[in-house]
N, C-alpha and C. Protein backbone atom coordinates (compact mmCIF):
# COMPACT_ATOMS: atom_id res chain seq x y z
N MET A 1 4.61 -25.02 -46.83
CA MET A 1 4.11 -23.92 -47.88
C MET A 1 4.91 -22.92 -47.97
N ILE A 2 5.40 -22.46 -48.85
CA ILE A 2 5.95 -20.98 -48.94
C ILE A 2 5.07 -19.87 -48.80
N ASN A 3 5.96 -18.69 -48.33
CA ASN A 3 5.45 -17.41 -48.32
C ASN A 3 4.46 -17.14 -49.71
N LEU A 4 4.78 -17.18 -50.63
CA LEU A 4 4.38 -16.58 -52.06
C LEU A 4 3.08 -17.64 -52.12
N GLU A 5 2.92 -18.59 -51.56
CA GLU A 5 1.55 -19.50 -51.87
C GLU A 5 0.71 -18.93 -50.75
N TYR A 6 0.91 -18.42 -49.54
CA TYR A 6 0.08 -17.82 -48.89
C TYR A 6 -0.43 -16.41 -49.10
N GLU A 7 0.62 -15.36 -50.07
CA GLU A 7 0.17 -14.62 -50.36
C GLU A 7 -1.05 -14.84 -51.48
N LYS A 8 -0.68 -15.57 -52.41
CA LYS A 8 -1.61 -16.04 -53.30
C LYS A 8 -2.99 -16.51 -52.73
N ILE A 9 -3.04 -17.20 -51.74
CA ILE A 9 -4.19 -17.35 -51.15
C ILE A 9 -4.93 -16.23 -50.28
N CYS A 10 -4.07 -15.53 -49.90
CA CYS A 10 -4.82 -14.08 -49.35
C CYS A 10 -5.45 -13.43 -50.58
N ASN A 11 -4.41 -13.34 -51.47
CA ASN A 11 -5.40 -12.26 -52.62
C ASN A 11 -6.73 -13.07 -53.26
N LYS A 12 -6.49 -14.18 -53.26
CA LYS A 12 -7.66 -15.02 -53.99
C LYS A 12 -9.03 -14.81 -53.13
N ILE A 13 -8.70 -15.15 -51.73
CA ILE A 13 -9.81 -15.06 -50.68
C ILE A 13 -10.29 -13.56 -50.88
N LEU A 14 -9.56 -12.78 -50.64
CA LEU A 14 -9.94 -11.37 -50.66
C LEU A 14 -10.78 -11.03 -51.90
N GLU A 15 -9.96 -11.76 -53.36
CA GLU A 15 -11.11 -11.11 -54.27
C GLU A 15 -12.22 -12.06 -54.71
N CYS A 16 -12.53 -13.24 -53.69
CA CYS A 16 -13.53 -13.99 -54.07
C CYS A 16 -14.82 -13.23 -53.79
N ASP A 17 -14.73 -12.35 -52.92
CA ASP A 17 -16.04 -11.59 -52.31
C ASP A 17 -15.84 -10.07 -51.82
N LYS A 18 -16.79 -9.48 -52.38
CA LYS A 18 -16.62 -7.91 -51.69
C LYS A 18 -16.74 -7.54 -50.24
N LYS A 19 -17.85 -8.55 -49.72
CA LYS A 19 -17.97 -8.43 -48.32
C LYS A 19 -16.89 -8.69 -47.40
N ILE A 20 -15.83 -9.65 -47.99
CA ILE A 20 -14.59 -9.97 -46.75
C ILE A 20 -13.67 -8.45 -46.96
N ARG A 21 -13.70 -8.29 -45.71
CA ARG A 21 -12.70 -7.09 -45.21
C ARG A 21 -11.42 -7.16 -45.24
N TYR A 22 -10.96 -8.56 -44.48
CA TYR A 22 -9.70 -8.71 -44.25
C TYR A 22 -9.33 -10.14 -44.61
N VAL A 23 -7.95 -10.61 -44.69
CA VAL A 23 -7.73 -12.04 -44.77
C VAL A 23 -6.22 -12.23 -44.43
N GLY A 24 -5.99 -12.72 -43.42
CA GLY A 24 -4.83 -13.45 -42.78
C GLY A 24 -4.45 -14.70 -42.36
N ILE A 25 -3.22 -15.14 -42.93
CA ILE A 25 -2.68 -16.81 -42.65
C ILE A 25 -1.57 -16.38 -41.56
N TYR A 26 -1.97 -17.00 -40.31
CA TYR A 26 -0.91 -17.16 -39.14
C TYR A 26 -0.54 -18.73 -39.35
N ASP A 27 0.84 -18.88 -39.41
CA ASP A 27 1.57 -20.28 -39.26
C ASP A 27 3.11 -20.11 -39.03
N TYR A 28 3.54 -20.67 -37.95
CA TYR A 28 4.65 -21.04 -37.50
C TYR A 28 5.18 -19.52 -37.01
N GLY A 29 4.08 -18.66 -36.37
CA GLY A 29 4.40 -17.22 -35.86
C GLY A 29 4.59 -16.16 -36.73
N GLU A 30 4.12 -16.54 -38.15
CA GLU A 30 4.60 -15.76 -39.12
C GLU A 30 2.95 -15.03 -39.42
N LEU A 31 2.55 -14.02 -39.72
CA LEU A 31 1.50 -13.44 -40.37
C LEU A 31 1.60 -13.01 -41.75
N TYR A 32 0.71 -13.56 -42.59
CA TYR A 32 0.60 -13.07 -44.06
C TYR A 32 -0.58 -12.50 -44.23
N ASP A 33 -0.94 -11.22 -44.78
CA ASP A 33 -2.07 -10.57 -44.68
C ASP A 33 -2.38 -9.55 -45.53
N LYS A 34 -3.75 -9.44 -45.66
CA LYS A 34 -4.25 -8.41 -46.82
C LYS A 34 -5.34 -7.82 -46.10
N MET A 35 -5.50 -6.57 -46.32
CA MET A 35 -6.87 -5.46 -46.01
C MET A 35 -7.33 -5.23 -47.31
N ARG A 36 -8.81 -5.16 -47.72
CA ARG A 36 -9.38 -4.69 -48.60
C ARG A 36 -9.28 -3.26 -48.87
N SER A 37 -8.69 -2.88 -49.82
CA SER A 37 -8.29 -1.55 -50.44
C SER A 37 -9.53 -0.49 -49.91
N GLY A 38 -8.86 0.47 -49.19
CA GLY A 38 -10.35 1.65 -48.79
C GLY A 38 -10.65 1.37 -47.41
N LEU A 39 -10.26 -0.03 -46.70
CA LEU A 39 -10.75 0.09 -45.50
C LEU A 39 -9.98 0.03 -44.66
N LYS A 40 -10.26 0.65 -43.16
CA LYS A 40 -8.94 0.67 -42.25
C LYS A 40 -9.01 -0.58 -41.16
N SER A 41 -8.07 -1.04 -40.95
CA SER A 41 -8.34 -2.21 -39.93
C SER A 41 -8.84 -1.81 -38.74
N LEU A 42 -9.73 -2.39 -38.02
CA LEU A 42 -10.23 -2.46 -36.77
C LEU A 42 -9.15 -2.96 -35.35
N LEU A 43 -8.41 -3.59 -35.60
CA LEU A 43 -7.20 -4.30 -34.82
C LEU A 43 -5.66 -3.46 -35.27
N SER A 44 -4.94 -3.34 -34.65
CA SER A 44 -3.57 -3.10 -34.83
C SER A 44 -3.01 -4.49 -35.44
N ARG A 45 -2.16 -4.45 -35.84
CA ARG A 45 -1.00 -5.70 -36.51
C ARG A 45 -0.79 -6.31 -35.11
N GLU A 46 -0.42 -6.05 -34.10
CA GLU A 46 -0.18 -6.60 -32.61
C GLU A 46 -1.57 -7.12 -32.10
N GLU A 47 -2.37 -6.66 -32.38
CA GLU A 47 -3.72 -7.24 -31.54
C GLU A 47 -4.26 -8.07 -32.39
N THR A 48 -4.06 -8.18 -33.87
CA THR A 48 -4.17 -9.14 -34.73
C THR A 48 -3.39 -10.44 -34.72
N GLU A 49 -2.32 -10.43 -34.34
CA GLU A 49 -1.19 -11.55 -34.37
C GLU A 49 -1.78 -12.02 -32.81
N LEU A 50 -2.15 -11.52 -31.80
CA LEU A 50 -2.52 -11.86 -30.66
C LEU A 50 -3.53 -12.45 -30.55
N SER A 51 -4.41 -11.86 -31.37
CA SER A 51 -5.80 -12.58 -31.46
C SER A 51 -5.52 -14.24 -32.22
N LEU A 52 -4.78 -13.91 -33.02
CA LEU A 52 -4.64 -15.16 -33.81
C LEU A 52 -3.85 -16.31 -33.17
N SER A 53 -2.95 -15.92 -32.30
CA SER A 53 -2.23 -16.98 -31.39
C SER A 53 -3.19 -17.51 -30.16
N GLN A 54 -4.15 -16.58 -29.97
CA GLN A 54 -5.44 -17.43 -29.36
C GLN A 54 -6.05 -18.29 -30.11
N ALA A 55 -6.46 -17.81 -31.10
CA ALA A 55 -7.64 -18.51 -32.37
C ALA A 55 -6.92 -20.26 -32.20
N ILE A 56 -5.41 -19.91 -32.33
CA ILE A 56 -4.52 -21.54 -32.73
C ILE A 56 -4.75 -22.11 -31.12
N TYR A 57 -4.79 -21.65 -30.20
CA TYR A 57 -4.91 -22.25 -28.95
C TYR A 57 -6.14 -22.88 -29.14
N ARG A 58 -7.35 -22.04 -29.21
CA ARG A 58 -8.92 -22.80 -29.40
C ARG A 58 -9.03 -23.72 -30.53
N TRP A 59 -8.28 -23.54 -31.40
CA TRP A 59 -7.87 -24.63 -32.36
C TRP A 59 -7.57 -26.12 -31.70
N SER A 60 -6.69 -25.83 -31.12
CA SER A 60 -6.04 -27.22 -30.48
C SER A 60 -7.26 -28.09 -29.69
N THR A 61 -7.71 -27.15 -28.74
CA THR A 61 -8.73 -27.58 -28.02
C THR A 61 -9.80 -28.39 -28.66
N ARG A 62 -10.22 -27.84 -29.94
CA ARG A 62 -11.22 -28.24 -30.72
C ARG A 62 -10.81 -29.62 -31.45
N LYS A 63 -9.76 -29.75 -31.54
CA LYS A 63 -8.93 -31.22 -32.28
C LYS A 63 -9.29 -32.39 -31.09
N LYS A 64 -9.16 -31.97 -29.66
CA LYS A 64 -9.52 -33.07 -28.93
C LYS A 64 -10.73 -33.81 -28.92
N THR A 65 -11.85 -33.20 -29.57
CA THR A 65 -13.10 -34.03 -29.60
C THR A 65 -13.34 -34.27 -31.18
N ALA A 66 -12.31 -34.44 -31.98
CA ALA A 66 -12.32 -34.51 -33.32
C ALA A 66 -12.75 -36.19 -33.71
N GLY A 67 -12.35 -37.11 -32.60
CA GLY A 67 -12.58 -38.29 -32.61
C GLY A 67 -13.81 -38.78 -32.34
N LYS A 68 -14.66 -37.81 -31.93
CA LYS A 68 -16.25 -38.33 -31.44
C LYS A 68 -16.84 -37.52 -32.37
N ILE A 69 -16.79 -35.91 -33.02
CA ILE A 69 -17.93 -35.29 -33.62
C ILE A 69 -17.02 -34.85 -34.67
N GLY A 70 -15.59 -35.08 -35.21
CA GLY A 70 -15.17 -34.90 -36.35
C GLY A 70 -14.20 -34.00 -36.50
N LYS A 71 -13.38 -33.95 -37.35
CA LYS A 71 -12.71 -32.82 -37.48
C LYS A 71 -13.32 -31.50 -37.78
N PRO A 72 -12.97 -29.92 -37.03
CA PRO A 72 -13.42 -29.01 -37.31
C PRO A 72 -13.01 -28.23 -38.45
N ILE A 73 -14.05 -27.66 -39.27
CA ILE A 73 -13.98 -27.13 -40.58
C ILE A 73 -13.63 -25.82 -40.58
N PHE A 74 -14.29 -25.23 -39.61
CA PHE A 74 -14.59 -23.79 -39.73
C PHE A 74 -14.78 -23.37 -38.46
N ALA A 75 -14.37 -22.08 -37.89
CA ALA A 75 -15.05 -21.57 -36.74
C ALA A 75 -15.70 -20.26 -37.01
N LEU A 76 -16.41 -19.83 -36.31
CA LEU A 76 -17.45 -18.47 -36.83
C LEU A 76 -17.76 -17.83 -35.34
N ALA A 77 -17.47 -16.45 -35.64
CA ALA A 77 -17.83 -15.55 -34.09
C ALA A 77 -18.33 -14.40 -34.67
N LYS A 78 -19.43 -13.80 -34.35
CA LYS A 78 -20.35 -12.74 -34.53
C LYS A 78 -19.99 -11.57 -33.37
N TYR A 79 -19.60 -10.39 -33.97
CA TYR A 79 -18.97 -9.26 -33.27
C TYR A 79 -20.00 -8.25 -33.45
N GLU A 80 -19.93 -6.97 -32.68
CA GLU A 80 -20.76 -6.10 -33.11
C GLU A 80 -20.46 -5.41 -34.35
N LYS A 81 -19.46 -5.38 -34.81
CA LYS A 81 -18.87 -4.69 -36.10
C LYS A 81 -18.41 -5.73 -37.27
N ILE A 82 -18.42 -6.96 -37.01
CA ILE A 82 -17.99 -8.02 -37.96
C ILE A 82 -18.37 -9.31 -37.50
N TYR A 83 -18.12 -10.30 -38.59
CA TYR A 83 -18.01 -11.59 -38.43
C TYR A 83 -16.72 -11.87 -38.55
N ARG A 84 -16.07 -12.97 -37.90
CA ARG A 84 -14.97 -13.30 -37.91
C ARG A 84 -14.67 -14.97 -38.27
N VAL A 85 -14.21 -15.56 -39.13
CA VAL A 85 -14.19 -16.66 -39.47
C VAL A 85 -12.80 -17.21 -39.52
N THR A 86 -12.50 -18.45 -38.63
CA THR A 86 -11.10 -19.06 -38.58
C THR A 86 -11.11 -20.30 -39.30
N VAL A 87 -10.26 -20.47 -40.30
CA VAL A 87 -10.23 -22.20 -40.83
C VAL A 87 -8.93 -22.61 -40.84
N PRO A 88 -8.43 -23.85 -40.49
CA PRO A 88 -7.09 -24.33 -40.53
C PRO A 88 -6.68 -24.61 -41.55
N ILE A 89 -4.93 -24.24 -41.57
CA ILE A 89 -4.35 -24.52 -42.99
C ILE A 89 -3.31 -25.15 -42.87
N GLY A 90 -2.58 -26.18 -43.34
CA GLY A 90 -1.21 -26.70 -43.01
C GLY A 90 -1.49 -27.48 -41.50
N GLY A 91 -0.30 -27.71 -40.92
CA GLY A 91 -0.29 -28.52 -39.94
C GLY A 91 -0.78 -27.71 -38.56
N ALA A 92 -0.39 -26.51 -38.37
CA ALA A 92 -0.81 -25.75 -37.45
C ALA A 92 -1.25 -24.27 -37.57
N GLY A 93 -1.40 -23.88 -38.80
CA GLY A 93 -1.50 -22.87 -39.10
C GLY A 93 -3.33 -22.25 -39.46
N LEU A 94 -3.55 -21.19 -39.30
CA LEU A 94 -5.13 -20.62 -39.43
C LEU A 94 -5.02 -19.55 -40.29
N ILE A 95 -6.46 -19.47 -40.90
CA ILE A 95 -6.68 -18.65 -42.10
C ILE A 95 -7.86 -17.85 -41.11
N LEU A 96 -7.65 -16.46 -41.11
CA LEU A 96 -8.37 -15.71 -40.42
C LEU A 96 -9.05 -14.78 -41.49
N ILE A 97 -10.64 -14.81 -41.50
CA ILE A 97 -11.02 -13.83 -42.27
C ILE A 97 -12.33 -13.14 -41.64
N SER A 98 -12.33 -11.57 -41.96
CA SER A 98 -13.15 -10.51 -41.37
C SER A 98 -14.00 -10.15 -42.47
N LEU A 99 -15.40 -10.24 -42.24
CA LEU A 99 -16.56 -10.08 -43.12
C LEU A 99 -17.43 -9.03 -42.53
N GLU A 100 -18.17 -8.15 -43.64
CA GLU A 100 -19.06 -7.04 -43.10
C GLU A 100 -20.07 -8.28 -42.50
N LEU A 101 -21.29 -7.50 -41.84
CA LEU A 101 -22.25 -8.19 -41.08
C LEU A 101 -23.39 -8.48 -41.70
N ASP A 102 -23.48 -8.06 -43.40
CA ASP A 102 -24.57 -8.36 -43.84
C ASP A 102 -23.92 -9.17 -45.07
N SER A 103 -23.15 -10.10 -44.92
CA SER A 103 -22.52 -11.21 -45.72
C SER A 103 -23.50 -12.63 -45.63
N ASP A 104 -23.23 -13.12 -46.60
CA ASP A 104 -23.87 -14.56 -46.76
C ASP A 104 -22.54 -15.54 -46.39
N ILE A 105 -22.83 -15.99 -45.08
CA ILE A 105 -21.43 -16.41 -44.38
C ILE A 105 -21.13 -17.50 -44.92
N ILE A 106 -22.19 -18.48 -45.18
CA ILE A 106 -22.27 -20.03 -45.59
C ILE A 106 -21.63 -19.91 -47.28
N GLU A 107 -22.13 -19.27 -47.93
CA GLU A 107 -21.68 -18.93 -49.30
C GLU A 107 -20.35 -18.47 -49.21
N ILE A 108 -19.65 -17.36 -48.53
CA ILE A 108 -18.57 -16.97 -48.55
C ILE A 108 -17.29 -18.17 -48.09
N VAL A 109 -17.77 -18.71 -47.04
CA VAL A 109 -17.08 -19.98 -46.25
C VAL A 109 -17.01 -21.03 -47.14
N ASP A 110 -18.06 -21.43 -48.32
CA ASP A 110 -17.90 -22.47 -49.32
C ASP A 110 -16.58 -22.02 -50.05
N LYS A 111 -16.62 -20.80 -50.67
CA LYS A 111 -15.61 -20.37 -51.50
C LYS A 111 -14.20 -20.43 -51.10
N ILE A 112 -14.26 -19.82 -49.71
CA ILE A 112 -12.69 -19.82 -48.85
C ILE A 112 -12.29 -21.37 -49.02
N LEU A 113 -13.37 -21.95 -48.33
CA LEU A 113 -12.61 -23.52 -48.50
C LEU A 113 -12.21 -24.33 -49.46
N LYS A 114 -12.99 -23.61 -50.86
CA LYS A 114 -12.37 -24.13 -52.39
C LYS A 114 -11.02 -23.43 -52.48
N ILE A 115 -10.92 -22.67 -52.28
CA ILE A 115 -9.39 -22.16 -52.35
C ILE A 115 -8.59 -22.70 -51.76
N LYS A 116 -8.84 -22.64 -50.34
CA LYS A 116 -7.73 -23.34 -49.20
C LYS A 116 -7.39 -24.78 -49.88
N ASN A 117 -8.41 -25.55 -50.47
CA ASN A 117 -8.37 -26.92 -51.10
C ASN A 117 -7.55 -27.35 -52.10
N GLU A 118 -7.62 -25.62 -53.18
CA GLU A 118 -6.78 -25.57 -54.35
C GLU A 118 -4.96 -25.81 -53.62
N TYR A 119 -4.75 -25.34 -52.54
CA TYR A 119 -3.53 -25.07 -52.46
C TYR A 119 -2.66 -26.42 -51.10
N THR A 120 -3.84 -27.26 -50.86
CA THR A 120 -3.46 -28.20 -49.82
C THR A 120 -3.62 -29.45 -50.02
C-alpha cells in the first residue's frame, strides 16, 4: 500500500464516528496519523511510535495461537482516559485508534473493519 492510501484510511476512519480521537497506521517503521481537530494528543509522537512498536510485538505473539483459536481481528484496551483499539493491516502493519470512554466500541470497530476491508 502506498502512503496516499494510508492517509485516506486515516481520514475515513476519523470521519466515521465523532467519538474517535485519533487514528494512526504504523507499517514498515512509518507512522501515518491524524488527530481529531480541536483535541490535544495525550502522547507525544515518540511515545505513540514506541507504543505502536510494542503493539506490533504483541500482535506477533497473538498470531502464534491463530491455528487453535483463529486469527486475531482486533484488540481492545481500556485506560483511565481512553479506549485503544488495534487492528492489523497489510503484512505487519497496525491501525491504532483511540476513542472516548463513552464510545459504542463494537459499533465503531465494525465501521473501522469495513473501511479497512475496502482497502485490503
